[in-house]
Amino acid sequence: MSDWKLPREGGCLCGKVRFRITAPPLLTMACHCKGCQRLTASAFSLSAAVPSGGFELVQGEPVIGALHGPHKHYFCDYCMSWLFTRPDGMDWFVNVRAPMLDDPAGFSTPYVETAAAEKLPWVKTPAARSFDGFPDLEAMTSAVEEFATLGGPAS
């Protein structure tokens, strides 16, 4: 199993909101959907699905931003950094924006890429699994199991 060097801490750009991760990620991902491209002003978002019990806010109170739909995207209310997402109906994990970690090594190497059909033509990632859209529960469960067996991506 990879040495995840836990706990890890992270936070927003201005430092007002801070969080701690005490459990290894279930999966690391790059999402190429248009929403993530626009939220990050980049080609994709990087995230680590962390078990809910292994994620805690240690400073500040984030606010819900982006689209105010079923998935809750949390931001710092001052610098507006996108910190994490709590997907609707999946309270067993928190989707942490991996680059918001103080040391994102390992946590930011995507094992899976989603919405690959929407990725910009020049984008390449080291992801082992690629899905044109968003995988169904069976495919995602399979990827999580694979990721755990392999110990996650190399740092």
N, C-alpha and C. Protein backbone atom coordinates (compact mmCIF):
# COMPACT_ATOMS: atom_id res chain seq x y z
N MET A 1 0.85 -1.19 0.00
CA MET A 1 0.00 0.00 0.00
C MET A 1 0.88 1.24 0.00
N SER A 2 0.49 2.27 -0.71
CA SER A 2 1.23 3.53 -0.76
C SER A 2 1.33 4.17 0.61
N ASP A 3 2.40 4.90 0.80
CA ASP A 3 2.55 5.68 2.01
C ASP A 3 1.90 7.03 1.76
N TRP A 4 0.71 7.22 2.30
CA TRP A 4 -0.04 8.44 2.04
C TRP A 4 0.39 9.61 2.91
N LYS A 5 1.34 9.36 3.86
CA LYS A 5 1.86 10.45 4.71
C LYS A 5 0.73 11.24 5.33
N LEU A 6 -0.07 10.57 6.13
CA LEU A 6 -1.22 11.18 6.81
C LEU A 6 -0.85 11.59 8.22
N PRO A 7 -1.51 12.57 8.79
CA PRO A 7 -2.54 13.40 8.18
C PRO A 7 -1.94 14.42 7.22
N ARG A 8 -2.81 14.94 6.39
CA ARG A 8 -2.45 16.03 5.48
C ARG A 8 -3.41 17.17 5.73
N GLU A 9 -2.91 18.37 5.56
CA GLU A 9 -3.76 19.55 5.73
C GLU A 9 -3.75 20.37 4.46
N GLY A 10 -4.76 21.19 4.35
CA GLY A 10 -4.87 22.08 3.21
C GLY A 10 -5.81 23.21 3.53
N GLY A 11 -6.01 24.06 2.56
CA GLY A 11 -6.90 25.18 2.76
C GLY A 11 -6.99 26.06 1.53
N CYS A 12 -7.71 27.13 1.71
CA CYS A 12 -7.94 28.06 0.61
C CYS A 12 -6.71 28.93 0.37
N LEU A 13 -6.78 29.72 -0.67
CA LEU A 13 -5.68 30.60 -1.06
C LEU A 13 -5.32 31.60 0.04
N CYS A 14 -6.32 32.18 0.70
CA CYS A 14 -6.04 33.20 1.71
C CYS A 14 -5.78 32.63 3.10
N GLY A 15 -6.07 31.35 3.31
CA GLY A 15 -5.81 30.73 4.61
C GLY A 15 -6.95 30.81 5.61
N LYS A 16 -8.06 31.40 5.23
CA LYS A 16 -9.18 31.56 6.15
C LYS A 16 -9.85 30.23 6.48
N VAL A 17 -9.93 29.31 5.49
CA VAL A 17 -10.54 28.00 5.71
C VAL A 17 -9.45 26.94 5.60
N ARG A 18 -9.39 26.06 6.60
CA ARG A 18 -8.39 24.99 6.63
C ARG A 18 -9.09 23.65 6.89
N PHE A 19 -8.53 22.58 6.36
CA PHE A 19 -9.08 21.25 6.58
C PHE A 19 -7.95 20.25 6.80
N ARG A 20 -8.32 19.08 7.32
CA ARG A 20 -7.36 18.00 7.58
C ARG A 20 -7.92 16.70 7.02
N ILE A 21 -7.05 15.91 6.42
CA ILE A 21 -7.40 14.58 5.92
C ILE A 21 -6.62 13.56 6.74
N THR A 22 -7.34 12.59 7.31
CA THR A 22 -6.72 11.58 8.16
C THR A 22 -6.89 10.16 7.62
N ALA A 23 -7.46 10.02 6.43
CA ALA A 23 -7.65 8.70 5.82
C ALA A 23 -7.19 8.76 4.37
N PRO A 24 -6.66 7.66 3.85
CA PRO A 24 -6.25 7.66 2.45
C PRO A 24 -7.45 7.82 1.53
N PRO A 25 -7.24 8.38 0.35
CA PRO A 25 -8.36 8.55 -0.58
C PRO A 25 -8.88 7.21 -1.08
N LEU A 26 -10.16 7.19 -1.38
CA LEU A 26 -10.80 6.03 -2.01
C LEU A 26 -10.44 5.99 -3.49
N LEU A 27 -10.20 7.17 -4.06
CA LEU A 27 -9.93 7.30 -5.48
C LEU A 27 -9.42 8.72 -5.75
N THR A 28 -8.56 8.85 -6.73
CA THR A 28 -8.13 10.18 -7.17
C THR A 28 -8.60 10.35 -8.62
N MET A 29 -9.00 11.57 -8.95
CA MET A 29 -9.68 11.78 -10.23
C MET A 29 -9.32 13.11 -10.90
N ALA A 30 -9.48 13.10 -12.21
CA ALA A 30 -9.49 14.32 -13.01
C ALA A 30 -10.84 14.35 -13.70
N CYS A 31 -11.53 15.47 -13.61
CA CYS A 31 -12.82 15.61 -14.28
C CYS A 31 -12.69 16.66 -15.37
N HIS A 32 -13.07 16.27 -16.57
CA HIS A 32 -12.96 17.14 -17.74
C HIS A 32 -14.28 17.81 -18.12
N CYS A 33 -15.32 17.68 -17.30
CA CYS A 33 -16.62 18.25 -17.68
C CYS A 33 -16.52 19.78 -17.80
N LYS A 34 -17.41 20.33 -18.59
CA LYS A 34 -17.42 21.78 -18.81
C LYS A 34 -17.58 22.55 -17.50
N GLY A 35 -18.37 22.00 -16.57
CA GLY A 35 -18.54 22.65 -15.27
C GLY A 35 -17.23 22.77 -14.52
N CYS A 36 -16.46 21.69 -14.46
CA CYS A 36 -15.17 21.73 -13.77
C CYS A 36 -14.19 22.64 -14.51
N GLN A 37 -14.25 22.63 -15.84
CA GLN A 37 -13.37 23.53 -16.59
C GLN A 37 -13.67 24.99 -16.21
N ARG A 38 -14.94 25.31 -16.10
CA ARG A 38 -15.30 26.70 -15.78
C ARG A 38 -15.04 27.05 -14.32
N LEU A 39 -15.29 26.09 -13.42
CA LEU A 39 -15.04 26.36 -11.99
C LEU A 39 -13.56 26.56 -11.69
N THR A 40 -12.70 25.86 -12.43
CA THR A 40 -11.26 25.96 -12.18
C THR A 40 -10.55 26.93 -13.11
N ALA A 41 -11.25 27.37 -14.16
CA ALA A 41 -10.62 28.20 -15.20
C ALA A 41 -9.40 27.46 -15.75
N SER A 42 -9.56 26.15 -15.90
CA SER A 42 -8.49 25.30 -16.38
C SER A 42 -9.08 24.18 -17.24
N ALA A 43 -8.26 23.21 -17.61
CA ALA A 43 -8.71 22.13 -18.49
C ALA A 43 -9.49 21.05 -17.75
N PHE A 44 -9.29 20.92 -16.45
CA PHE A 44 -9.97 19.89 -15.65
C PHE A 44 -9.81 20.22 -14.18
N SER A 45 -10.57 19.52 -13.34
CA SER A 45 -10.37 19.63 -11.90
C SER A 45 -9.72 18.34 -11.40
N LEU A 46 -8.93 18.46 -10.36
CA LEU A 46 -8.31 17.31 -9.71
C LEU A 46 -8.94 17.15 -8.34
N SER A 47 -9.29 15.90 -8.01
CA SER A 47 -9.88 15.68 -6.70
C SER A 47 -9.49 14.33 -6.15
N ALA A 48 -9.67 14.21 -4.85
CA ALA A 48 -9.47 12.96 -4.13
C ALA A 48 -10.74 12.69 -3.34
N ALA A 49 -11.33 11.53 -3.58
CA ALA A 49 -12.52 11.13 -2.82
C ALA A 49 -12.04 10.56 -1.49
N VAL A 50 -12.30 11.30 -0.42
CA VAL A 50 -11.83 10.93 0.91
C VAL A 50 -13.02 10.45 1.74
N PRO A 51 -12.87 9.35 2.48
CA PRO A 51 -13.97 8.92 3.34
C PRO A 51 -14.40 10.06 4.26
N SER A 52 -15.70 10.25 4.43
CA SER A 52 -16.20 11.37 5.25
C SER A 52 -15.58 11.41 6.64
N GLY A 53 -15.38 10.25 7.24
CA GLY A 53 -14.78 10.20 8.58
C GLY A 53 -13.32 10.60 8.61
N GLY A 54 -12.68 10.68 7.44
CA GLY A 54 -11.28 11.07 7.36
C GLY A 54 -11.08 12.50 6.90
N PHE A 55 -12.16 13.30 6.92
CA PHE A 55 -12.10 14.70 6.50
C PHE A 55 -12.68 15.56 7.59
N GLU A 56 -11.97 16.62 7.96
CA GLU A 56 -12.53 17.56 8.95
C GLU A 56 -12.09 18.98 8.66
N LEU A 57 -13.02 19.90 8.90
CA LEU A 57 -12.69 21.32 8.85
C LEU A 57 -12.01 21.66 10.15
N VAL A 58 -10.89 22.37 10.08
CA VAL A 58 -10.18 22.75 11.31
C VAL A 58 -10.18 24.26 11.53
N GLN A 59 -10.59 25.02 10.52
CA GLN A 59 -10.64 26.47 10.67
C GLN A 59 -11.58 27.06 9.62
N GLY A 60 -12.39 27.99 10.03
CA GLY A 60 -13.26 28.71 9.11
C GLY A 60 -14.52 27.96 8.76
N GLU A 61 -15.40 28.66 8.06
CA GLU A 61 -16.68 28.10 7.63
C GLU A 61 -16.84 28.35 6.14
N PRO A 62 -16.72 27.31 5.31
CA PRO A 62 -16.92 27.51 3.88
C PRO A 62 -18.38 27.76 3.55
N VAL A 63 -18.60 28.31 2.38
CA VAL A 63 -19.96 28.58 1.89
C VAL A 63 -20.21 27.77 0.62
N ILE A 64 -21.48 27.53 0.33
CA ILE A 64 -21.85 26.83 -0.89
C ILE A 64 -21.80 27.82 -2.04
N GLY A 65 -21.17 27.39 -3.13
CA GLY A 65 -21.05 28.25 -4.30
C GLY A 65 -21.31 27.47 -5.57
N ALA A 66 -20.94 28.03 -6.68
CA ALA A 66 -21.17 27.45 -8.01
C ALA A 66 -22.67 27.26 -8.21
N LEU A 67 -23.06 26.19 -8.87
CA LEU A 67 -24.48 25.91 -9.05
C LEU A 67 -25.04 25.43 -7.72
N HIS A 68 -26.13 25.96 -7.31
CA HIS A 68 -26.73 25.60 -6.03
C HIS A 68 -27.74 24.47 -6.23
N GLY A 69 -27.22 23.37 -6.76
CA GLY A 69 -28.05 22.20 -7.04
C GLY A 69 -27.85 21.12 -5.98
N PRO A 70 -28.08 19.88 -6.37
CA PRO A 70 -28.00 18.78 -5.41
C PRO A 70 -26.58 18.52 -4.90
N HIS A 71 -25.56 18.75 -5.74
CA HIS A 71 -24.18 18.59 -5.28
C HIS A 71 -23.75 19.91 -4.66
N LYS A 72 -23.19 19.85 -3.47
CA LYS A 72 -22.80 21.06 -2.75
C LYS A 72 -21.30 21.31 -2.93
N HIS A 73 -20.97 22.42 -3.60
CA HIS A 73 -19.58 22.82 -3.83
C HIS A 73 -19.23 23.88 -2.77
N TYR A 74 -18.19 23.63 -2.00
CA TYR A 74 -17.84 24.51 -0.89
C TYR A 74 -16.62 25.37 -1.23
N PHE A 75 -16.74 26.65 -0.90
CA PHE A 75 -15.75 27.66 -1.22
C PHE A 75 -15.43 28.50 0.02
N CYS A 76 -14.26 29.14 0.02
CA CYS A 76 -13.97 30.16 1.03
C CYS A 76 -14.81 31.38 0.68
N ASP A 77 -15.44 31.99 1.68
CA ASP A 77 -16.29 33.16 1.39
C ASP A 77 -15.48 34.42 1.09
N TYR A 78 -14.19 34.39 1.36
CA TYR A 78 -13.37 35.58 1.12
C TYR A 78 -12.61 35.49 -0.22
N CYS A 79 -11.78 34.45 -0.38
CA CYS A 79 -10.98 34.35 -1.61
C CYS A 79 -11.67 33.52 -2.70
N MET A 80 -12.77 32.87 -2.36
CA MET A 80 -13.60 32.11 -3.29
C MET A 80 -12.91 30.86 -3.85
N SER A 81 -11.90 30.35 -3.16
CA SER A 81 -11.26 29.10 -3.58
C SER A 81 -12.25 27.95 -3.45
N TRP A 82 -12.29 27.09 -4.46
CA TRP A 82 -13.13 25.89 -4.44
C TRP A 82 -12.38 24.82 -3.67
N LEU A 83 -12.92 24.40 -2.53
CA LEU A 83 -12.21 23.50 -1.62
C LEU A 83 -12.64 22.04 -1.72
N PHE A 84 -13.94 21.79 -1.71
CA PHE A 84 -14.42 20.41 -1.74
C PHE A 84 -15.88 20.39 -2.17
N THR A 85 -16.34 19.18 -2.48
CA THR A 85 -17.73 18.96 -2.90
C THR A 85 -18.29 17.80 -2.11
N ARG A 86 -19.54 17.93 -1.72
CA ARG A 86 -20.27 16.83 -1.10
C ARG A 86 -21.36 16.42 -2.10
N PRO A 87 -21.09 15.33 -2.86
CA PRO A 87 -22.06 14.90 -3.86
C PRO A 87 -23.38 14.43 -3.23
N ASP A 88 -24.46 14.79 -3.85
CA ASP A 88 -25.79 14.43 -3.37
C ASP A 88 -25.94 12.91 -3.29
N GLY A 89 -26.43 12.44 -2.14
CA GLY A 89 -26.71 11.03 -1.96
C GLY A 89 -25.49 10.17 -1.70
N MET A 90 -24.34 10.78 -1.57
CA MET A 90 -23.11 10.02 -1.33
C MET A 90 -22.37 10.60 -0.13
N ASP A 91 -23.01 10.54 1.02
CA ASP A 91 -22.44 11.15 2.22
C ASP A 91 -21.29 10.36 2.82
N TRP A 92 -20.90 9.27 2.21
CA TRP A 92 -19.80 8.44 2.71
C TRP A 92 -18.43 8.96 2.27
N PHE A 93 -18.40 9.96 1.38
CA PHE A 93 -17.12 10.55 1.00
C PHE A 93 -17.25 12.04 0.72
N VAL A 94 -16.11 12.72 0.77
CA VAL A 94 -16.00 14.14 0.43
C VAL A 94 -15.02 14.22 -0.73
N ASN A 95 -15.38 14.94 -1.76
CA ASN A 95 -14.53 15.10 -2.93
C ASN A 95 -13.67 16.35 -2.74
N VAL A 96 -12.46 16.15 -2.25
CA VAL A 96 -11.56 17.26 -1.92
C VAL A 96 -10.78 17.67 -3.16
N ARG A 97 -10.70 18.97 -3.41
CA ARG A 97 -9.87 19.48 -4.51
C ARG A 97 -8.42 19.26 -4.09
N ALA A 98 -7.77 18.28 -4.70
CA ALA A 98 -6.42 17.87 -4.31
C ALA A 98 -5.39 19.01 -4.34
N PRO A 99 -5.43 19.93 -5.31
CA PRO A 99 -4.44 21.00 -5.29
C PRO A 99 -4.57 21.96 -4.09
N MET A 100 -5.66 21.85 -3.33
CA MET A 100 -5.82 22.70 -2.17
C MET A 100 -5.05 22.17 -0.95
N LEU A 101 -4.49 20.96 -1.08
CA LEU A 101 -3.65 20.41 -0.01
C LEU A 101 -2.33 21.17 0.03
N ASP A 102 -1.77 21.31 1.23
CA ASP A 102 -0.47 21.97 1.35
C ASP A 102 0.59 21.18 0.57
N ASP A 103 0.47 19.85 0.58
CA ASP A 103 1.35 18.98 -0.19
C ASP A 103 0.48 18.00 -0.96
N PRO A 104 0.12 18.33 -2.20
CA PRO A 104 -0.81 17.49 -2.94
C PRO A 104 -0.19 16.26 -3.59
N ALA A 105 1.10 16.02 -3.44
CA ALA A 105 1.75 14.87 -4.09
C ALA A 105 0.99 13.59 -3.77
N GLY A 106 0.78 12.78 -4.77
CA GLY A 106 0.06 11.52 -4.61
C GLY A 106 -1.44 11.69 -4.64
N PHE A 107 -1.95 12.60 -3.85
CA PHE A 107 -3.39 12.84 -3.80
C PHE A 107 -3.88 13.48 -5.10
N SER A 108 -2.98 14.08 -5.87
CA SER A 108 -3.42 14.78 -7.08
C SER A 108 -3.15 14.00 -8.36
N THR A 109 -2.50 12.85 -8.28
CA THR A 109 -2.27 12.04 -9.47
C THR A 109 -3.56 11.30 -9.79
N PRO A 110 -4.22 11.63 -10.89
CA PRO A 110 -5.54 11.01 -11.15
C PRO A 110 -5.43 9.55 -11.57
N TYR A 111 -6.17 8.71 -10.88
CA TYR A 111 -6.28 7.30 -11.25
C TYR A 111 -7.39 7.11 -12.28
N VAL A 112 -8.42 7.94 -12.18
CA VAL A 112 -9.57 7.89 -13.07
C VAL A 112 -9.77 9.28 -13.66
N GLU A 113 -10.17 9.31 -14.93
CA GLU A 113 -10.63 10.57 -15.50
C GLU A 113 -12.07 10.39 -15.95
N THR A 114 -12.88 11.41 -15.66
CA THR A 114 -14.28 11.38 -16.02
C THR A 114 -14.57 12.48 -17.04
N ALA A 115 -15.69 12.32 -17.74
CA ALA A 115 -16.12 13.27 -18.77
C ALA A 115 -15.03 13.48 -19.83
N ALA A 116 -14.32 12.40 -20.16
CA ALA A 116 -13.22 12.48 -21.12
C ALA A 116 -13.71 12.92 -22.51
N ALA A 117 -14.97 12.70 -22.81
CA ALA A 117 -15.51 13.15 -24.09
C ALA A 117 -15.53 14.68 -24.19
N GLU A 118 -15.47 15.36 -23.05
CA GLU A 118 -15.49 16.83 -23.03
C GLU A 118 -14.10 17.44 -22.87
N LYS A 119 -13.06 16.61 -22.76
CA LYS A 119 -11.74 17.19 -22.51
C LYS A 119 -11.22 17.94 -23.71
N LEU A 120 -10.40 18.91 -23.44
CA LEU A 120 -9.78 19.70 -24.50
C LEU A 120 -8.83 18.79 -25.28
N PRO A 121 -8.72 18.99 -26.58
CA PRO A 121 -8.00 18.04 -27.42
C PRO A 121 -6.52 17.84 -27.06
N TRP A 122 -5.88 18.80 -26.44
CA TRP A 122 -4.46 18.69 -26.12
C TRP A 122 -4.19 18.07 -24.76
N VAL A 123 -5.23 17.78 -23.98
CA VAL A 123 -5.05 17.30 -22.60
C VAL A 123 -4.71 15.81 -22.57
N LYS A 124 -3.71 15.48 -21.79
CA LYS A 124 -3.32 14.10 -21.50
C LYS A 124 -3.14 13.99 -19.99
N THR A 125 -3.66 12.91 -19.40
CA THR A 125 -3.42 12.67 -17.97
C THR A 125 -2.84 11.26 -17.83
N PRO A 126 -2.24 10.95 -16.69
CA PRO A 126 -1.72 9.60 -16.46
C PRO A 126 -2.78 8.63 -15.93
N ALA A 127 -4.05 9.00 -16.00
CA ALA A 127 -5.13 8.18 -15.45
C ALA A 127 -5.12 6.77 -16.05
N ALA A 128 -5.29 5.78 -15.18
CA ALA A 128 -5.33 4.38 -15.60
C ALA A 128 -6.68 4.02 -16.22
N ARG A 129 -7.73 4.69 -15.77
CA ARG A 129 -9.09 4.42 -16.25
C ARG A 129 -9.68 5.72 -16.78
N SER A 130 -10.39 5.61 -17.90
CA SER A 130 -11.00 6.79 -18.50
C SER A 130 -12.45 6.48 -18.85
N PHE A 131 -13.32 7.43 -18.51
CA PHE A 131 -14.75 7.30 -18.81
C PHE A 131 -15.17 8.50 -19.66
N ASP A 132 -15.89 8.24 -20.75
CA ASP A 132 -16.35 9.33 -21.61
C ASP A 132 -17.26 10.28 -20.86
N GLY A 133 -18.08 9.75 -19.96
CA GLY A 133 -19.00 10.57 -19.16
C GLY A 133 -18.72 10.35 -17.69
N PHE A 134 -19.78 10.25 -16.92
CA PHE A 134 -19.65 9.96 -15.50
C PHE A 134 -20.02 8.49 -15.32
N PRO A 135 -19.12 7.71 -14.73
CA PRO A 135 -19.37 6.27 -14.61
C PRO A 135 -20.55 5.96 -13.71
N ASP A 136 -21.21 4.84 -14.03
CA ASP A 136 -22.30 4.39 -13.16
C ASP A 136 -21.69 3.83 -11.88
N LEU A 137 -22.54 3.52 -10.92
CA LEU A 137 -22.09 3.06 -9.61
C LEU A 137 -21.22 1.81 -9.71
N GLU A 138 -21.60 0.87 -10.57
CA GLU A 138 -20.84 -0.37 -10.71
C GLU A 138 -19.41 -0.10 -11.22
N ALA A 139 -19.28 0.75 -12.23
CA ALA A 139 -17.97 1.07 -12.78
C ALA A 139 -17.13 1.85 -11.76
N MET A 140 -17.76 2.76 -11.03
CA MET A 140 -17.03 3.53 -10.03
C MET A 140 -16.58 2.64 -8.88
N THR A 141 -17.45 1.73 -8.45
CA THR A 141 -17.10 0.80 -7.38
C THR A 141 -15.91 -0.07 -7.81
N SER A 142 -15.92 -0.51 -9.04
CA SER A 142 -14.82 -1.30 -9.58
C SER A 142 -13.52 -0.50 -9.56
N ALA A 143 -13.57 0.75 -9.96
CA ALA A 143 -12.38 1.61 -9.97
C ALA A 143 -11.85 1.83 -8.55
N VAL A 144 -12.76 2.02 -7.58
CA VAL A 144 -12.35 2.20 -6.18
C VAL A 144 -11.65 0.93 -5.68
N GLU A 145 -12.22 -0.22 -5.98
CA GLU A 145 -11.62 -1.49 -5.55
C GLU A 145 -10.25 -1.70 -6.18
N GLU A 146 -10.13 -1.38 -7.46
CA GLU A 146 -8.86 -1.47 -8.17
C GLU A 146 -7.82 -0.55 -7.55
N PHE A 147 -8.22 0.67 -7.29
CA PHE A 147 -7.34 1.68 -6.70
C PHE A 147 -6.82 1.19 -5.34
N ALA A 148 -7.70 0.63 -4.52
CA ALA A 148 -7.30 0.12 -3.21
C ALA A 148 -6.33 -1.05 -3.34
N THR A 149 -6.59 -1.93 -4.28
CA THR A 149 -5.72 -3.09 -4.50
C THR A 149 -4.32 -2.67 -4.93
N LEU A 150 -4.27 -1.66 -5.79
CA LEU A 150 -2.99 -1.20 -6.31
C LEU A 150 -2.28 -0.25 -5.37
N GLY A 151 -2.97 0.23 -4.35
CA GLY A 151 -2.36 1.17 -3.42
C GLY A 151 -2.37 2.59 -3.90
N GLY A 152 -3.11 2.88 -4.94
CA GLY A 152 -3.22 4.24 -5.44
C GLY A 152 -2.09 4.55 -6.42
N PRO A 153 -2.10 5.74 -6.98
CA PRO A 153 -1.08 6.12 -7.96
C PRO A 153 0.25 6.41 -7.29
N ALA A 154 1.30 6.35 -8.04
CA ALA A 154 2.61 6.71 -7.52
C ALA A 154 2.64 8.21 -7.25
N SER A 155 3.32 8.61 -6.21
CA SER A 155 3.38 10.04 -5.86
C SER A 155 4.19 10.78 -6.88
